[in-house]
Amino acid sequence: MGLGWYFVFVIVGGVVGGLSLDSWLGTKPAFTLVGLFGGLFLAFWGGYFMLMEAIGRGRGNKDS
């Protein structure tokens, strides 16, 4: 999966999960915001590691 699709799936997944929790518990917009910020955090966290792996692989590093 590419980096852009990873960002989309994680952020949209967080928002959709938050929306469904909000509709189930009647707490709008609490869990939507938690899902949004959680998705943003996970997207940048995972994106950072995906980028570091790609950069390391591109330079020919053999570190395991």
PDB file of N, CA and C in Angstrom:
ATOM      1  N   MET A   1       0.863  -1.171   0.000  1.00  0.00           N
ATOM      2  CA  MET A   1       0.000   0.000   0.000  1.00  0.00           C
ATOM      3  C   MET A   1       0.901   1.223   0.000  1.00  0.00           C
ATOM      4  N   GLY A   2       0.528   2.203  -0.779  1.00  0.00           N
ATOM      5  CA  GLY A   2       1.300   3.432  -0.856  1.00  0.00           C
ATOM      6  C   GLY A   2       1.061   4.324   0.351  1.00  0.00           C
ATOM      7  N   LEU A   3       1.923   5.264   0.522  1.00  0.00           N
ATOM      8  CA  LEU A   3       1.857   6.170   1.664  1.00  0.00           C
ATOM      9  C   LEU A   3       0.572   7.001   1.661  1.00  0.00           C
ATOM     10  N   GLY A   4       0.172   7.490   0.507  1.00  0.00           N
ATOM     11  CA  GLY A   4      -1.043   8.298   0.409  1.00  0.00           C
ATOM     12  C   GLY A   4      -2.288   7.512   0.783  1.00  0.00           C
ATOM     13  N   TRP A   5      -2.394   6.274   0.297  1.00  0.00           N
ATOM     14  CA  TRP A   5      -3.547   5.444   0.639  1.00  0.00           C
ATOM     15  C   TRP A   5      -3.551   5.106   2.121  1.00  0.00           C
ATOM     16  N   TYR A   6      -2.376   4.893   2.693  1.00  0.00           N
ATOM     17  CA  TYR A   6      -2.288   4.622   4.125  1.00  0.00           C
ATOM     18  C   TYR A   6      -2.869   5.802   4.913  1.00  0.00           C
ATOM     19  N   PHE A   7      -2.467   7.020   4.545  1.00  0.00           N
ATOM     20  CA  PHE A   7      -2.989   8.222   5.205  1.00  0.00           C
ATOM     21  C   PHE A   7      -4.515   8.282   5.096  1.00  0.00           C
ATOM     22  N   VAL A   8      -5.031   8.056   3.888  1.00  0.00           N
ATOM     23  CA  VAL A   8      -6.475   8.134   3.664  1.00  0.00           C
ATOM     24  C   VAL A   8      -7.213   7.110   4.510  1.00  0.00           C
ATOM     25  N   PHE A   9      -6.793   5.857   4.478  1.00  0.00           N
ATOM     26  CA  PHE A   9      -7.493   4.803   5.203  1.00  0.00           C
ATOM     27  C   PHE A   9      -7.466   5.020   6.706  1.00  0.00           C
ATOM     28  N   VAL A  10      -6.328   5.433   7.245  1.00  0.00           N
ATOM     29  CA  VAL A  10      -6.229   5.601   8.690  1.00  0.00           C
ATOM     30  C   VAL A  10      -7.062   6.792   9.165  1.00  0.00           C
ATOM     31  N   ILE A  11      -6.987   7.915   8.465  1.00  0.00           N
ATOM     32  CA  ILE A  11      -7.737   9.104   8.887  1.00  0.00           C
ATOM     33  C   ILE A  11      -9.240   8.883   8.703  1.00  0.00           C
ATOM     34  N   VAL A  12      -9.637   8.387   7.540  1.00  0.00           N
ATOM     35  CA  VAL A  12     -11.061   8.144   7.289  1.00  0.00           C
ATOM     36  C   VAL A  12     -11.586   7.062   8.244  1.00  0.00           C
ATOM     37  N   GLY A  13     -10.783   6.052   8.515  1.00  0.00           N
ATOM     38  CA  GLY A  13     -11.191   5.014   9.460  1.00  0.00           C
ATOM     39  C   GLY A  13     -11.433   5.570  10.854  1.00  0.00           C
ATOM     40  N   GLY A  14     -10.571   6.472  11.295  1.00  0.00           N
ATOM     41  CA  GLY A  14     -10.761   7.100  12.597  1.00  0.00           C
ATOM     42  C   GLY A  14     -12.023   7.936  12.660  1.00  0.00           C
ATOM     43  N   VAL A  15     -12.284   8.688  11.613  1.00  0.00           N
ATOM     44  CA  VAL A  15     -13.485   9.536  11.579  1.00  0.00           C
ATOM     45  C   VAL A  15     -14.748   8.679  11.520  1.00  0.00           C
ATOM     46  N   VAL A  16     -14.760   7.668  10.669  1.00  0.00           N
ATOM     47  CA  VAL A  16     -15.936   6.800  10.548  1.00  0.00           C
ATOM     48  C   VAL A  16     -16.181   6.052  11.861  1.00  0.00           C
ATOM     49  N   GLY A  17     -15.112   5.565  12.479  1.00  0.00           N
ATOM     50  CA  GLY A  17     -15.257   4.906  13.773  1.00  0.00           C
ATOM     51  C   GLY A  17     -15.809   5.860  14.823  1.00  0.00           C
ATOM     52  N   GLY A  18     -15.318   7.091  14.831  1.00  0.00           N
ATOM     53  CA  GLY A  18     -15.815   8.086  15.771  1.00  0.00           C
ATOM     54  C   GLY A  18     -17.263   8.450  15.524  1.00  0.00           C
ATOM     55  N   LEU A  19     -17.636   8.570  14.263  1.00  0.00           N
ATOM     56  CA  LEU A  19     -19.034   8.869  13.935  1.00  0.00           C
ATOM     57  C   LEU A  19     -19.963   7.749  14.388  1.00  0.00           C
ATOM     58  N   SER A  20     -19.549   6.496  14.162  1.00  0.00           N
ATOM     59  CA  SER A  20     -20.423   5.402  14.577  1.00  0.00           C
ATOM     60  C   SER A  20     -20.526   5.307  16.090  1.00  0.00           C
ATOM     61  N   LEU A  21     -19.432   5.550  16.811  1.00  0.00           N
ATOM     62  CA  LEU A  21     -19.516   5.570  18.272  1.00  0.00           C
ATOM     63  C   LEU A  21     -20.403   6.709  18.755  1.00  0.00           C
ATOM     64  N   ASP A  22     -20.276   7.867  18.126  1.00  0.00           N
ATOM     65  CA  ASP A  22     -21.112   9.008  18.501  1.00  0.00           C
ATOM     66  C   ASP A  22     -22.590   8.730  18.277  1.00  0.00           C
ATOM     67  N   SER A  23     -22.933   8.115  17.154  1.00  0.00           N
ATOM     68  CA  SER A  23     -24.347   7.838  16.901  1.00  0.00           C
ATOM     69  C   SER A  23     -24.864   6.763  17.853  1.00  0.00           C
ATOM     70  N   TRP A  24     -24.021   5.807  18.216  1.00  0.00           N
ATOM     71  CA  TRP A  24     -24.425   4.734  19.118  1.00  0.00           C
ATOM     72  C   TRP A  24     -24.600   5.243  20.546  1.00  0.00           C
ATOM     73  N   LEU A  25     -23.679   6.125  20.989  1.00  0.00           N
ATOM     74  CA  LEU A  25     -23.707   6.617  22.367  1.00  0.00           C
ATOM     75  C   LEU A  25     -24.388   7.975  22.520  1.00  0.00           C
ATOM     76  N   GLY A  26     -24.655   8.651  21.394  1.00  0.00           N
ATOM     77  CA  GLY A  26     -25.282   9.972  21.443  1.00  0.00           C
ATOM     78  C   GLY A  26     -24.387  11.042  22.028  1.00  0.00           C
ATOM     79  N   THR A  27     -23.115  11.022  21.670  1.00  0.00           N
ATOM     80  CA  THR A  27     -22.133  11.949  22.247  1.00  0.00           C
ATOM     81  C   THR A  27     -21.503  12.855  21.203  1.00  0.00           C
ATOM     82  N   LYS A  28     -22.260  13.275  20.200  1.00  0.00           N
ATOM     83  CA  LYS A  28     -21.679  14.106  19.130  1.00  0.00           C
ATOM     84  C   LYS A  28     -21.031  15.341  19.699  1.00  0.00           C
ATOM     85  N   PRO A  29     -19.941  15.808  19.241  1.00  0.00           N
ATOM     86  CA  PRO A  29     -18.965  15.254  18.312  1.00  0.00           C
ATOM     87  C   PRO A  29     -17.739  14.678  19.015  1.00  0.00           C
ATOM     88  N   ALA A  30     -17.882  14.223  20.233  1.00  0.00           N
ATOM     89  CA  ALA A  30     -16.728  13.814  21.042  1.00  0.00           C
ATOM     90  C   ALA A  30     -15.877  12.739  20.367  1.00  0.00           C
ATOM     91  N   PHE A  31     -16.477  11.599  20.041  1.00  0.00           N
ATOM     92  CA  PHE A  31     -15.684  10.512  19.486  1.00  0.00           C
ATOM     93  C   PHE A  31     -15.275  10.768  18.036  1.00  0.00           C
ATOM     94  N   THR A  32     -16.011  11.614  17.341  1.00  0.00           N
ATOM     95  CA  THR A  32     -15.597  11.994  15.989  1.00  0.00           C
ATOM     96  C   THR A  32     -14.275  12.744  16.055  1.00  0.00           C
ATOM     97  N   LEU A  33     -14.168  13.667  16.995  1.00  0.00           N
ATOM     98  CA  LEU A  33     -12.916  14.414  17.152  1.00  0.00           C
ATOM     99  C   LEU A  33     -11.787  13.512  17.636  1.00  0.00           C
ATOM    100  N   VAL A  34     -12.099  12.609  18.576  1.00  0.00           N
ATOM    101  CA  VAL A  34     -11.081  11.661  19.050  1.00  0.00           C
ATOM    102  C   VAL A  34     -10.607  10.792  17.889  1.00  0.00           C
ATOM    103  N   GLY A  35     -11.544  10.307  17.071  1.00  0.00           N
ATOM    104  CA  GLY A  35     -11.184   9.490  15.911  1.00  0.00           C
ATOM    105  C   GLY A  35     -10.375  10.264  14.889  1.00  0.00           C
ATOM    106  N   LEU A  36     -10.734  11.526  14.678  1.00  0.00           N
ATOM    107  CA  LEU A  36      -9.988  12.356  13.730  1.00  0.00           C
ATOM    108  C   LEU A  36      -8.549  12.560  14.191  1.00  0.00           C
ATOM    109  N   PHE A  37      -8.395  12.999  15.428  1.00  0.00           N
ATOM    110  CA  PHE A  37      -7.038  13.258  15.916  1.00  0.00           C
ATOM    111  C   PHE A  37      -6.241  11.975  16.110  1.00  0.00           C
ATOM    112  N   GLY A  38      -6.927  10.901  16.503  1.00  0.00           N
ATOM    113  CA  GLY A  38      -6.248   9.608  16.585  1.00  0.00           C
ATOM    114  C   GLY A  38      -5.792   9.135  15.216  1.00  0.00           C
ATOM    115  N   GLY A  39      -6.647   9.302  14.218  1.00  0.00           N
ATOM    116  CA  GLY A  39      -6.281   8.929  12.853  1.00  0.00           C
ATOM    117  C   GLY A  39      -5.135   9.759  12.314  1.00  0.00           C
ATOM    118  N   LEU A  40      -5.164  11.059  12.607  1.00  0.00           N
ATOM    119  CA  LEU A  40      -4.055  11.923  12.178  1.00  0.00           C
ATOM    120  C   LEU A  40      -2.748  11.504  12.830  1.00  0.00           C
ATOM    121  N   PHE A  41      -2.809  11.222  14.130  1.00  0.00           N
ATOM    122  CA  PHE A  41      -1.604  10.795  14.844  1.00  0.00           C
ATOM    123  C   PHE A  41      -1.056   9.498  14.258  1.00  0.00           C
ATOM    124  N   LEU A  42      -1.941   8.503  14.079  1.00  0.00           N
ATOM    125  CA  LEU A  42      -1.491   7.224  13.531  1.00  0.00           C
ATOM    126  C   LEU A  42      -0.993   7.352  12.093  1.00  0.00           C
ATOM    127  N   ALA A  43      -1.604   8.237  11.318  1.00  0.00           N
ATOM    128  CA  ALA A  43      -1.174   8.427   9.930  1.00  0.00           C
ATOM    129  C   ALA A  43       0.241   8.996   9.887  1.00  0.00           C
ATOM    130  N   PHE A  44       0.497  10.015  10.677  1.00  0.00           N
ATOM    131  CA  PHE A  44       1.834  10.602  10.656  1.00  0.00           C
ATOM    132  C   PHE A  44       2.865   9.688  11.297  1.00  0.00           C
ATOM    133  N   TRP A  45       2.474   8.975  12.341  1.00  0.00           N
ATOM    134  CA  TRP A  45       3.388   8.035  13.000  1.00  0.00           C
ATOM    135  C   TRP A  45       3.779   6.911  12.034  1.00  0.00           C
ATOM    136  N   GLY A  46       2.779   6.274  11.444  1.00  0.00           N
ATOM    137  CA  GLY A  46       3.047   5.195  10.498  1.00  0.00           C
ATOM    138  C   GLY A  46       3.722   5.692   9.237  1.00  0.00           C
ATOM    139  N   GLY A  47       3.320   6.885   8.775  1.00  0.00           N
ATOM    140  CA  GLY A  47       3.952   7.471   7.593  1.00  0.00           C
ATOM    141  C   GLY A  47       5.421   7.757   7.806  1.00  0.00           C
ATOM    142  N   TYR A  48       5.761   8.196   9.015  1.00  0.00           N
ATOM    143  CA  TYR A  48       7.166   8.458   9.344  1.00  0.00           C
ATOM    144  C   TYR A  48       7.989   7.174   9.208  1.00  0.00           C
ATOM    145  N   PHE A  49       7.487   6.087   9.785  1.00  0.00           N
ATOM    146  CA  PHE A  49       8.243   4.834   9.724  1.00  0.00           C
ATOM    147  C   PHE A  49       8.285   4.259   8.319  1.00  0.00           C
ATOM    148  N   MET A  50       7.201   4.420   7.564  1.00  0.00           N
ATOM    149  CA  MET A  50       7.224   3.960   6.176  1.00  0.00           C
ATOM    150  C   MET A  50       8.235   4.755   5.359  1.00  0.00           C
ATOM    151  N   LEU A  51       8.308   6.041   5.607  1.00  0.00           N
ATOM    152  CA  LEU A  51       9.260   6.884   4.896  1.00  0.00           C
ATOM    153  C   LEU A  51      10.694   6.557   5.277  1.00  0.00           C
ATOM    154  N   MET A  52      10.947   6.351   6.566  1.00  0.00           N
ATOM    155  CA  MET A  52      12.302   6.009   7.016  1.00  0.00           C
ATOM    156  C   MET A  52      12.755   4.681   6.423  1.00  0.00           C
ATOM    157  N   GLU A  53      11.832   3.734   6.320  1.00  0.00           N
ATOM    158  CA  GLU A  53      12.175   2.459   5.708  1.00  0.00           C
ATOM    159  C   GLU A  53      12.503   2.635   4.227  1.00  0.00           C
ATOM    160  N   ALA A  54      11.711   3.440   3.530  1.00  0.00           N
ATOM    161  CA  ALA A  54      11.944   3.667   2.104  1.00  0.00           C
ATOM    162  C   ALA A  54      13.251   4.419   1.871  1.00  0.00           C
ATOM    163  N   ILE A  55      13.543   5.386   2.723  1.00  0.00           N
ATOM    164  CA  ILE A  55      14.788   6.144   2.581  1.00  0.00           C
ATOM    165  C   ILE A  55      15.983   5.245   2.852  1.00  0.00           C
ATOM    166  N   GLY A  56      15.873   4.429   3.904  1.00  0.00           N
ATOM    167  CA  GLY A  56      16.966   3.515   4.235  1.00  0.00           C
ATOM    168  C   GLY A  56      17.203   2.498   3.146  1.00  0.00           C
ATOM    169  N   ARG A  57      16.147   1.990   2.570  1.00  0.00           N
ATOM    170  CA  ARG A  57      16.255   1.011   1.500  1.00  0.00           C
ATOM    171  C   ARG A  57      16.858   1.637   0.255  1.00  0.00           C
ATOM    172  N   GLY A  58      16.547   2.910   0.015  1.00  0.00           N
ATOM    173  CA  GLY A  58      17.058   3.605  -1.160  1.00  0.00           C
ATOM    174  C   GLY A  58      18.545   3.890  -1.086  1.00  0.00           C
ATOM    175  N   ARG A  59      19.068   4.028   0.131  1.00  0.00           N
ATOM    176  CA  ARG A  59      20.493   4.311   0.298  1.00  0.00           C
ATOM    177  C   ARG A  59      21.335   3.052   0.382  1.00  0.00           C
ATOM    178  N   GLY A  60      20.678   1.891   0.367  1.00  0.00           N
ATOM    179  CA  GLY A  60      21.421   0.649   0.394  1.00  0.00           C
ATOM    180  C   GLY A  60      21.849   0.224   1.792  1.00  0.00           C
ATOM    181  N   ASN A  61      21.209   0.737   2.830  1.00  0.00           N
ATOM    182  CA  ASN A  61      21.539   0.319   4.195  1.00  0.00           C
ATOM    183  C   ASN A  61      21.113  -1.135   4.403  1.00  0.00           C
ATOM    184  N   LYS A  62      21.968  -1.878   5.060  1.00  0.00           N
ATOM    185  CA  LYS A  62      21.689  -3.299   5.320  1.00  0.00           C
ATOM    186  C   LYS A  62      21.376  -3.531   6.790  1.00  0.00           C
ATOM    187  N   ASP A  63      21.012  -2.484   7.542  1.00  0.00           N
ATOM    188  CA  ASP A  63      20.718  -2.627   8.959  1.00  0.00           C
ATOM    189  C   ASP A  63      19.441  -3.431   9.147  1.00  0.00           C
ATOM    190  N   SER A  64      19.454  -4.333  10.139  1.00  0.00           N
ATOM    191  CA  SER A  64      18.253  -5.130  10.409  1.00  0.00           C
ATOM    192  C   SER A  64      17.683  -4.774  11.737  1.00  0.00           C
TER     193      SER A  64
END
